[in-house]
Amino acid sequence: MGFKTGMIIGFGVGYVLGTKAGRERYEELRQSWQELTGNPRIQEAVERGKDLVGTGMRESLTAVQGGVEKAADAVKDRLDKDDAGAGG
């Protein structure tokens, strides 16, 4: 057996063993992920997080709407004052 043939066989064996080891590790990680995401405590925490985000978004929207209304009122008041001053 020549050097090239030995290298090719060695590479092939290494590839097969590496692929198998990689697949086993992938399966371990996948199983761990499923156990984690299937845990009722984790699911409950995720739901609480979603609720908090939803509440925060509603509060933020309310604050933005209030700020827009104040800005619009301030602009309207300013325009009314300018019109009254120009007409007088």
Protein backbone atom coordinates (compact mmCIF):
# COMPACT_ATOMS: atom_id res chain seq x y z
CA MET A 1 0.00 0.00 0.00
CA GLY A 2 1.39 3.36 -1.01
CA PHE A 3 1.47 6.59 0.89
CA LYS A 4 -1.45 8.09 -1.08
CA THR A 5 -3.63 5.06 -0.51
CA GLY A 6 -2.85 5.09 3.21
CA MET A 7 -3.67 8.79 3.41
CA ILE A 8 -6.99 8.28 1.60
CA ILE A 9 -7.96 5.36 3.84
CA GLY A 10 -6.92 7.30 6.94
CA PHE A 11 -8.88 10.32 5.82
CA GLY A 12 -11.94 8.17 5.11
CA VAL A 13 -11.82 6.44 8.49
CA GLY A 14 -11.34 9.77 10.26
CA TYR A 15 -14.23 11.30 8.36
CA VAL A 16 -16.60 8.44 9.19
CA LEU A 17 -15.64 8.44 12.88
CA GLY A 18 -15.85 12.24 13.08
CA THR A 19 -19.24 12.27 11.40
CA LYS A 20 -20.57 9.65 13.79
CA ALA A 21 -19.19 11.51 16.82
CA GLY A 22 -20.66 14.75 15.49
CA ARG A 23 -24.06 13.16 14.97
CA GLU A 24 -24.03 11.71 18.49
CA ARG A 25 -23.17 15.11 19.95
CA TYR A 26 -25.89 16.73 17.86
CA GLU A 27 -28.43 14.24 19.19
CA GLU A 28 -27.29 14.92 22.77
CA LEU A 29 -27.69 18.66 22.29
CA ARG A 30 -31.07 18.23 20.59
CA GLN A 31 -32.33 16.03 23.43
CA SER A 32 -31.08 18.51 26.06
CA TRP A 33 -32.83 21.35 24.23
CA GLN A 34 -36.09 19.40 24.09
CA GLU A 35 -35.87 18.60 27.79
CA LEU A 36 -35.21 22.25 28.58
CA THR A 37 -38.01 23.64 26.43
CA GLY A 38 -40.40 20.92 27.60
CA ASN A 39 -39.84 21.80 31.24
CA PRO A 40 -43.07 23.32 32.65
CA ARG A 41 -41.12 25.86 34.72
CA ILE A 42 -39.32 27.09 31.61
CA GLN A 43 -42.59 27.30 29.67
CA GLU A 44 -44.16 29.27 32.52
CA ALA A 45 -41.21 31.68 32.58
CA VAL A 46 -41.47 32.19 28.81
CA GLU A 47 -45.19 32.97 29.11
CA ARG A 48 -44.54 35.45 31.95
CA GLY A 49 -41.91 37.10 29.78
CA LYS A 50 -44.33 37.40 26.89
CA ASP A 51 -46.93 38.94 29.21
CA LEU A 52 -44.41 41.46 30.54
CA VAL A 53 -43.35 42.45 27.05
CA GLY A 54 -46.98 42.88 26.00
CA THR A 55 -47.70 45.05 29.05
CA GLY A 56 -44.59 47.13 28.43
CA MET A 57 -45.53 47.66 24.80
CA ARG A 58 -49.05 48.81 25.75
CA GLU A 59 -47.66 51.22 28.34
CA SER A 60 -45.11 52.56 25.86
CA LEU A 61 -47.77 53.09 23.22
CA THR A 62 -49.93 54.97 25.71
CA ALA A 63 -46.98 57.19 26.66
CA VAL A 64 -46.16 57.90 23.00
CA GLN A 65 -49.79 58.75 22.24
CA GLY A 66 -49.87 61.14 25.20
CA GLY A 67 -46.66 62.80 24.03
CA VAL A 68 -48.01 63.23 20.50
CA GLU A 69 -51.20 64.77 21.83
CA LYS A 70 -49.23 67.22 24.01
CA ALA A 71 -47.00 68.17 21.10
CA ALA A 72 -50.02 68.67 18.83
CA ASP A 73 -51.71 70.85 21.47
CA ALA A 74 -48.55 72.90 21.94
CA VAL A 75 -48.23 73.48 18.18
CA LYS A 76 -51.92 74.42 17.93
CA ASP A 77 -51.59 76.86 20.86
CA ARG A 78 -48.51 78.41 19.28
CA LEU A 79 -50.24 78.83 15.93
CA ASP A 80 -53.31 80.33 17.59
CA LYS A 81 -51.09 82.83 19.46
CA ASP A 82 -49.24 83.74 16.25
CA ASP A 83 -52.54 84.26 14.42
CA ALA A 84 -53.91 86.40 17.26
CA GLY A 85 -50.74 88.49 17.38
CA ALA A 86 -50.66 89.01 13.60
CA GLY A 87 -54.29 90.03 13.46
CA GLY A 88 -54.14 92.53 16.27
